[in-house]
Amino acid sequence: MTVTETHGGGTPEPENAAPAARRAWWRSLLADRAAAPAMLLLMAIVLAALFAPLIAPHDPNANSRAIMQPPVWSERGTAEYLLGTDSQGRDILSRALYGTRLTLLIGLVAIGIGGVIGSTLGLLSAMYRRIDPWIMRINDMMLSFPAILLGLALVAVAGPGVLPVIVALGIASIPDCARIARSIGIGVMGQEYIEAGRAVGLSDWAIFRRYLLRNSISSIMIFLSLRFGQIILIGAALSFLGLGARPPTSELGMMAAQGRDTLMFAPHIATIPSVVIFVIVLCANITGDALRDVLDPRLQT
C-alpha cells in the first residue's frame, strides 16, 4: 500500500487499493448461493421480531383453556394456534416472536459492549507497545472466566434478569475482541503510512482515528458477526438455566427450558424455540463467513 497526499497541509493518506468487487460487497453476498438465503432469512427473522406486536396473533402472556394444543400440522391442531400452545395455554407463535426479539436484543447489546470496549483496548495495545503487556495480562485473566460462570456470579449478586445476562455476555466478549483487534492493529501499525503520518507531525489521536481504526474496522466487524452466533447460544443457555429473563417474559432459551418436562407428550413446546435459536445461529454464522470472504483483503484473489 502506498501513501498519497490528499490534504492541503501534506497529511498522508493510504491509497485505496481495494478492488472494485470489494466496494460492491453486497453484490457478492447476494450472488453467494449459501449466504444470500441465510442473510434474507435472518433479515426476515429480525423484521418479524421487530414487528412482533403487529404480527403476533395473541397476547404472549395470556392463558387459555387450550393447554398443550399441538401445532396446526397435527391431527389435533387448530388454525387458531398455528404452532400450538404451552402447558399454560399460551400461544407459542406469539411467544416465539416476542422471545426472538428479546434474544436478538441480548445478543446485539452484549456484542456491542464487548466489541467497543474490547476493540478499543486491543487497538490501544497495538498502538502503545509499553502498555501492551499490562492489557494482555488482564485480558488473559478475563479469558479464564467462562461466560456461564460469570453469569452465575452476577446473578448471585444482582438476581436473575436480562441485564445481568447482557453484562456477563458483554464482559465475556471483551477479551476475544481485544485479542483480535490487537492482532489486526499490530499489522496496521507496521505499514509505511503510519511512519509517514508521524513524520509530518500527526497526533496520536489523528493516527488512531484516520489510519488504525479505519483500516481495522472491517476485520473487527467480521469477527463480531461470527461471534454474534456464539453470544446467542450462550445467552440462550443462561436463560435455559434460569439465569435470564423472568417469567412470564418470553425468551427463547427460557421457552425451551419450560418445555423440557413435556418432551415425551408435547415436544413442540421445547423444539420450536430450539429450532428458532438454531436457525438464527446458523444464518448468522453463514452470513459472517460470507462477509469474511468478501471483506477480508487477505482472501481477495
Protein backbone atom coordinates (compact mmCIF):
# COMPACT_ATOMS: atom_id res chain seq x y z
CA MET A 1 0.00 0.00 0.00
CA THR A 2 1.36 3.38 -0.98
CA VAL A 3 0.90 6.85 0.53
CA THR A 4 -0.68 9.78 -1.28
CA GLU A 5 -1.01 13.47 -0.41
CA THR A 6 -4.73 14.19 -0.20
CA HIS A 7 -4.80 17.08 2.31
CA GLY A 8 -3.54 20.54 1.56
CA GLY A 9 -1.29 20.53 4.61
CA GLY A 10 0.61 17.48 3.40
CA THR A 11 -1.19 14.89 5.53
CA PRO A 12 -0.54 11.43 4.11
CA GLU A 13 -3.44 9.13 3.42
CA PRO A 14 -3.22 5.47 2.46
CA GLU A 15 -4.12 4.85 -1.17
CA ASN A 16 -7.32 2.91 -1.67
CA ALA A 17 -6.12 -0.19 -3.46
CA ALA A 18 -9.27 -2.24 -2.81
CA PRO A 19 -10.68 -3.95 -5.88
CA ALA A 20 -13.97 -2.85 -7.36
CA ALA A 21 -15.64 -6.03 -6.13
CA ARG A 22 -14.88 -5.09 -2.55
CA ARG A 23 -16.60 -1.73 -2.94
CA ALA A 24 -19.74 -3.62 -4.03
CA TRP A 25 -19.54 -6.23 -1.28
CA TRP A 26 -23.29 -6.53 -1.02
CA ARG A 27 -23.46 -7.72 -4.64
CA SER A 28 -21.04 -10.51 -3.83
CA LEU A 29 -23.19 -11.51 -0.86
CA LEU A 30 -26.34 -11.65 -2.97
CA ALA A 31 -24.50 -13.76 -5.55
CA ASP A 32 -23.47 -16.30 -2.90
CA ARG A 33 -25.85 -19.27 -3.08
CA ALA A 34 -25.48 -20.04 0.62
CA ALA A 35 -25.13 -16.53 2.06
CA ALA A 36 -28.00 -14.88 0.17
CA PRO A 37 -30.77 -17.16 1.52
CA ALA A 38 -29.24 -17.09 5.01
CA MET A 39 -28.99 -13.30 5.01
CA LEU A 40 -32.55 -12.88 3.71
CA LEU A 41 -33.90 -15.37 6.25
CA LEU A 42 -32.04 -13.62 9.05
CA MET A 43 -33.44 -10.27 7.91
CA ALA A 44 -36.95 -11.78 7.86
CA ILE A 45 -36.50 -13.06 11.41
CA VAL A 46 -35.26 -9.67 12.58
CA LEU A 47 -38.20 -7.88 10.93
CA ALA A 48 -40.67 -10.37 12.41
CA ALA A 49 -39.17 -9.78 15.85
CA LEU A 50 -39.28 -6.00 15.45
CA PHE A 51 -42.93 -6.05 14.40
CA ALA A 52 -43.97 -8.75 16.87
CA PRO A 53 -46.77 -6.59 18.38
CA LEU A 54 -48.34 -6.30 14.92
CA ILE A 55 -47.76 -9.89 13.79
CA ALA A 56 -48.44 -11.88 16.95
CA PRO A 57 -51.97 -13.32 16.79
CA HIS A 58 -52.38 -13.48 20.59
CA ASP A 59 -51.08 -11.91 23.76
CA PRO A 60 -47.88 -13.89 24.53
CA ASN A 61 -48.68 -13.95 28.25
CA ALA A 62 -52.42 -14.70 28.01
CA ASN A 63 -53.51 -18.10 29.31
CA SER A 64 -56.25 -20.14 27.63
CA ARG A 65 -58.05 -23.41 28.15
CA ALA A 66 -56.28 -24.95 25.13
CA ILE A 67 -53.45 -26.38 27.21
CA MET A 68 -50.64 -28.07 25.24
CA GLN A 69 -52.53 -27.71 21.98
CA PRO A 70 -50.44 -29.33 19.18
CA PRO A 71 -49.36 -27.34 16.09
CA VAL A 72 -51.66 -26.89 13.13
CA TRP A 73 -49.99 -29.68 11.11
CA SER A 74 -51.00 -32.20 13.79
CA GLU A 75 -54.28 -34.07 13.52
CA ARG A 76 -55.49 -32.38 16.72
CA GLY A 77 -54.13 -28.95 15.83
CA THR A 78 -56.31 -25.94 15.07
CA ALA A 79 -55.81 -22.85 12.93
CA GLU A 80 -56.30 -20.62 15.98
CA TYR A 81 -52.91 -21.68 17.36
CA LEU A 82 -50.62 -22.30 14.39
CA LEU A 83 -47.68 -23.53 16.48
CA GLY A 84 -49.76 -24.83 19.36
CA THR A 85 -49.81 -23.77 23.00
CA ASP A 86 -47.67 -24.49 26.03
CA SER A 87 -48.50 -26.04 29.38
CA GLN A 88 -50.30 -22.85 30.45
CA GLY A 89 -52.31 -22.43 27.26
CA ARG A 90 -50.17 -19.58 25.89
CA ASP A 91 -49.74 -19.22 22.12
CA ILE A 92 -46.27 -20.47 21.17
CA LEU A 93 -46.14 -18.46 17.92
CA SER A 94 -46.73 -15.19 19.77
CA ARG A 95 -44.25 -16.10 22.48
CA ALA A 96 -41.66 -17.13 19.87
CA LEU A 97 -41.96 -13.76 18.11
CA TYR A 98 -41.51 -11.81 21.35
CA GLY A 99 -38.85 -14.23 22.56
CA THR A 100 -36.86 -13.82 19.35
CA ARG A 101 -36.90 -10.06 19.82
CA LEU A 102 -35.52 -10.34 23.35
CA THR A 103 -32.92 -12.95 22.34
CA LEU A 104 -31.67 -10.79 19.47
CA LEU A 105 -31.60 -7.73 21.74
CA ILE A 106 -29.49 -9.56 24.31
CA GLY A 107 -27.05 -10.69 21.61
CA LEU A 108 -26.75 -7.31 19.91
CA VAL A 109 -26.25 -5.30 23.11
CA ALA A 110 -23.77 -7.81 24.51
CA ILE A 111 -21.71 -7.96 21.31
CA GLY A 112 -21.83 -4.16 21.14
CA ILE A 113 -20.44 -3.82 24.66
CA GLY A 114 -17.73 -6.40 24.08
CA GLY A 115 -16.89 -5.07 20.63
CA VAL A 116 -16.50 -1.42 21.62
CA ILE A 117 -14.53 -2.00 24.83
CA GLY A 118 -12.50 -4.95 23.59
CA SER A 119 -11.63 -3.41 20.23
CA THR A 120 -10.57 -0.15 21.87
CA LEU A 121 -8.31 -1.96 24.32
CA GLY A 122 -6.83 -4.12 21.56
CA LEU A 123 -6.09 -1.21 19.25
CA LEU A 124 -4.57 0.84 22.09
CA SER A 125 -2.43 -2.16 22.95
CA ALA A 126 -1.22 -2.34 19.34
CA MET A 127 -0.53 1.39 19.20
CA TYR A 128 1.19 1.82 22.59
CA ARG A 129 3.51 -1.13 23.00
CA ARG A 130 4.51 -0.06 26.52
CA ILE A 131 1.06 -0.83 27.89
CA ASP A 132 0.60 -3.93 25.74
CA PRO A 133 1.87 -6.44 28.38
CA TRP A 134 -0.45 -4.99 31.04
CA ILE A 135 -3.54 -5.07 28.83
CA MET A 136 -2.80 -8.57 27.58
CA ARG A 137 -2.23 -9.97 31.10
CA ILE A 138 -5.57 -8.54 32.22
CA ASN A 139 -7.05 -9.96 29.03
CA ASP A 140 -5.65 -13.41 29.87
CA MET A 141 -7.20 -13.26 33.35
CA MET A 142 -10.59 -12.38 31.85
CA LEU A 143 -10.32 -15.33 29.46
CA SER A 144 -10.10 -17.66 32.46
CA PHE A 145 -13.71 -16.84 33.45
CA PRO A 146 -16.27 -18.62 31.23
CA ALA A 147 -19.37 -16.66 30.31
CA ILE A 148 -21.67 -19.07 32.16
CA LEU A 149 -19.57 -18.87 35.34
CA LEU A 150 -19.55 -15.09 35.09
CA GLY A 151 -23.30 -15.12 34.59
CA LEU A 152 -23.75 -17.26 37.70
CA ALA A 153 -21.66 -14.82 39.71
CA LEU A 154 -23.60 -11.78 38.50
CA VAL A 155 -26.95 -13.47 39.11
CA ALA A 156 -25.83 -14.37 42.64
CA VAL A 157 -25.22 -10.65 43.26
CA ALA A 158 -27.97 -8.95 41.24
CA GLY A 159 -30.52 -11.76 40.90
CA PRO A 160 -31.91 -13.34 37.70
CA GLY A 161 -32.75 -10.98 34.87
CA VAL A 162 -31.92 -9.80 31.38
CA LEU A 163 -29.44 -7.11 32.49
CA PRO A 164 -27.06 -9.48 34.35
CA VAL A 165 -27.02 -11.78 31.31
CA ILE A 166 -26.20 -8.87 28.96
CA VAL A 167 -23.44 -7.65 31.27
CA ALA A 168 -21.99 -11.16 31.62
CA LEU A 169 -22.01 -11.77 27.87
CA GLY A 170 -20.57 -8.32 27.16
CA ILE A 171 -17.72 -8.79 29.63
CA ALA A 172 -17.06 -12.31 28.34
CA SER A 173 -16.74 -10.92 24.78
CA ILE A 174 -14.16 -8.27 25.69
CA PRO A 175 -11.01 -10.47 25.82
CA ASP A 176 -11.65 -12.19 22.48
CA CYS A 177 -12.41 -8.87 20.79
CA ALA A 178 -9.31 -7.30 22.35
CA ARG A 179 -7.07 -10.12 21.19
CA ILE A 180 -8.38 -9.99 17.61
CA ALA A 181 -8.20 -6.18 17.48
CA ARG A 182 -4.64 -6.24 18.80
CA SER A 183 -3.57 -8.73 16.15
CA ILE A 184 -5.15 -6.65 13.39
CA GLY A 185 -3.81 -3.40 14.84
CA ILE A 186 -0.21 -4.64 15.00
CA GLY A 187 -0.36 -5.36 11.27
CA VAL A 188 -1.73 -1.89 10.54
CA MET A 189 0.85 -0.15 12.74
CA GLY A 190 3.62 -1.78 10.71
CA GLN A 191 2.54 -0.06 7.49
CA GLU A 192 4.53 2.74 5.88
CA TYR A 193 1.73 5.28 6.04
CA ILE A 194 1.83 5.15 9.84
CA GLU A 195 5.50 6.20 9.77
CA ALA A 196 4.70 8.87 7.20
CA GLY A 197 1.95 10.23 9.41
CA ARG A 198 4.28 10.50 12.37
CA ALA A 199 6.90 12.15 10.16
CA VAL A 200 4.57 15.02 9.25
CA GLY A 201 3.63 15.53 12.89
CA LEU A 202 0.20 13.92 13.16
CA SER A 203 -1.05 13.46 16.70
CA ASP A 204 -1.66 10.04 18.19
CA TRP A 205 -5.41 10.65 18.07
CA ALA A 206 -5.25 11.51 14.36
CA ILE A 207 -3.23 8.37 13.61
CA PHE A 208 -5.64 6.26 15.67
CA ARG A 209 -8.75 7.70 14.03
CA ARG A 210 -7.56 8.10 10.42
CA TYR A 211 -5.36 5.07 10.00
CA LEU A 212 -5.53 2.48 12.77
CA LEU A 213 -9.29 2.42 13.35
CA ARG A 214 -10.26 2.96 9.72
CA ASN A 215 -8.06 0.13 8.46
CA SER A 216 -9.05 -2.28 11.25
CA ILE A 217 -12.79 -1.77 11.50
CA SER A 218 -13.80 -4.11 8.64
CA SER A 219 -11.84 -7.07 10.04
CA ILE A 220 -13.19 -6.38 13.54
CA MET A 221 -16.76 -6.29 12.22
CA ILE A 222 -16.19 -9.65 10.50
CA PHE A 223 -15.13 -11.16 13.83
CA LEU A 224 -18.11 -9.64 15.64
CA SER A 225 -20.51 -11.04 13.04
CA LEU A 226 -19.04 -14.50 13.63
CA ARG A 227 -19.10 -14.02 17.40
CA PHE A 228 -22.77 -13.00 17.35
CA GLY A 229 -23.98 -16.57 16.88
CA GLN A 230 -21.91 -17.75 19.85
CA ILE A 231 -23.33 -14.97 22.03
CA ILE A 232 -26.89 -16.01 21.08
CA LEU A 233 -26.15 -19.61 22.06
CA ILE A 234 -24.54 -18.69 25.39
CA GLY A 235 -27.36 -16.28 26.21
CA ALA A 236 -29.96 -18.95 25.44
CA ALA A 237 -28.03 -21.41 27.62
CA LEU A 238 -28.03 -18.96 30.54
CA SER A 239 -31.77 -18.42 30.14
CA PHE A 240 -32.26 -22.20 29.89
CA LEU A 241 -30.56 -22.50 33.29
CA GLY A 242 -32.96 -19.93 34.74
CA LEU A 243 -30.48 -17.04 34.88
CA GLY A 244 -32.08 -14.86 32.23
CA ALA A 245 -35.49 -13.33 31.74
CA ARG A 246 -38.03 -13.89 34.49
CA PRO A 247 -41.45 -15.43 33.78
CA PRO A 248 -43.76 -14.59 32.16
CA THR A 249 -41.37 -12.70 29.83
CA SER A 250 -40.86 -14.52 26.55
CA GLU A 251 -37.27 -15.58 25.73
CA LEU A 252 -36.27 -18.48 23.51
CA GLY A 253 -33.91 -20.17 25.95
CA MET A 254 -36.42 -19.95 28.76
CA MET A 255 -39.20 -21.26 26.49
CA ALA A 256 -37.08 -24.31 25.68
CA ALA A 257 -36.47 -24.87 29.39
CA GLN A 258 -40.19 -24.65 30.16
CA GLY A 259 -40.91 -27.40 27.63
CA ARG A 260 -38.30 -29.91 28.77
CA ASP A 261 -40.74 -31.62 31.17
CA THR A 262 -43.25 -32.26 28.37
CA LEU A 263 -40.88 -33.60 25.70
CA MET A 264 -42.49 -37.05 25.67
CA PHE A 265 -46.09 -35.96 25.03
CA ALA A 266 -45.81 -32.32 23.84
CA PRO A 267 -42.38 -31.98 22.18
CA HIS A 268 -43.34 -28.87 20.19
CA ILE A 269 -43.18 -26.70 23.33
CA ALA A 270 -39.40 -27.10 23.57
CA THR A 271 -38.47 -27.91 19.98
CA ILE A 272 -40.00 -24.83 18.33
CA PRO A 273 -37.94 -22.24 20.28
CA SER A 274 -34.90 -24.51 19.94
CA VAL A 275 -35.32 -24.60 16.17
CA VAL A 276 -35.62 -20.80 16.08
CA ILE A 277 -32.34 -20.50 18.02
CA PHE A 278 -30.71 -22.98 15.63
CA VAL A 279 -31.88 -21.06 12.55
CA ILE A 280 -30.72 -17.70 13.93
CA VAL A 281 -27.26 -19.02 14.81
CA LEU A 282 -26.90 -20.89 11.52
CA CYS A 283 -27.89 -17.86 9.43
CA ALA A 284 -25.61 -15.58 11.46
CA ASN A 285 -22.64 -17.94 11.01
CA ILE A 286 -23.19 -18.35 7.27
CA THR A 287 -23.55 -14.59 6.82
CA GLY A 288 -20.43 -13.96 8.91
CA ASP A 289 -18.42 -16.44 6.84
CA ALA A 290 -19.57 -14.77 3.64
CA LEU A 291 -18.69 -11.32 4.98
CA ARG A 292 -15.22 -12.58 5.83
CA ASP A 293 -14.75 -13.93 2.31
CA VAL A 294 -15.88 -10.63 0.79
CA LEU A 295 -14.30 -8.05 3.08
CA ASP A 296 -11.07 -9.68 4.25
CA PRO A 297 -8.33 -8.40 1.88
CA ARG A 298 -6.17 -11.44 2.59
CA LEU A 299 -8.79 -13.64 0.92
CA GLN A 300 -9.09 -11.48 -2.19
CA THR A 301 -7.77 -13.11 -5.35
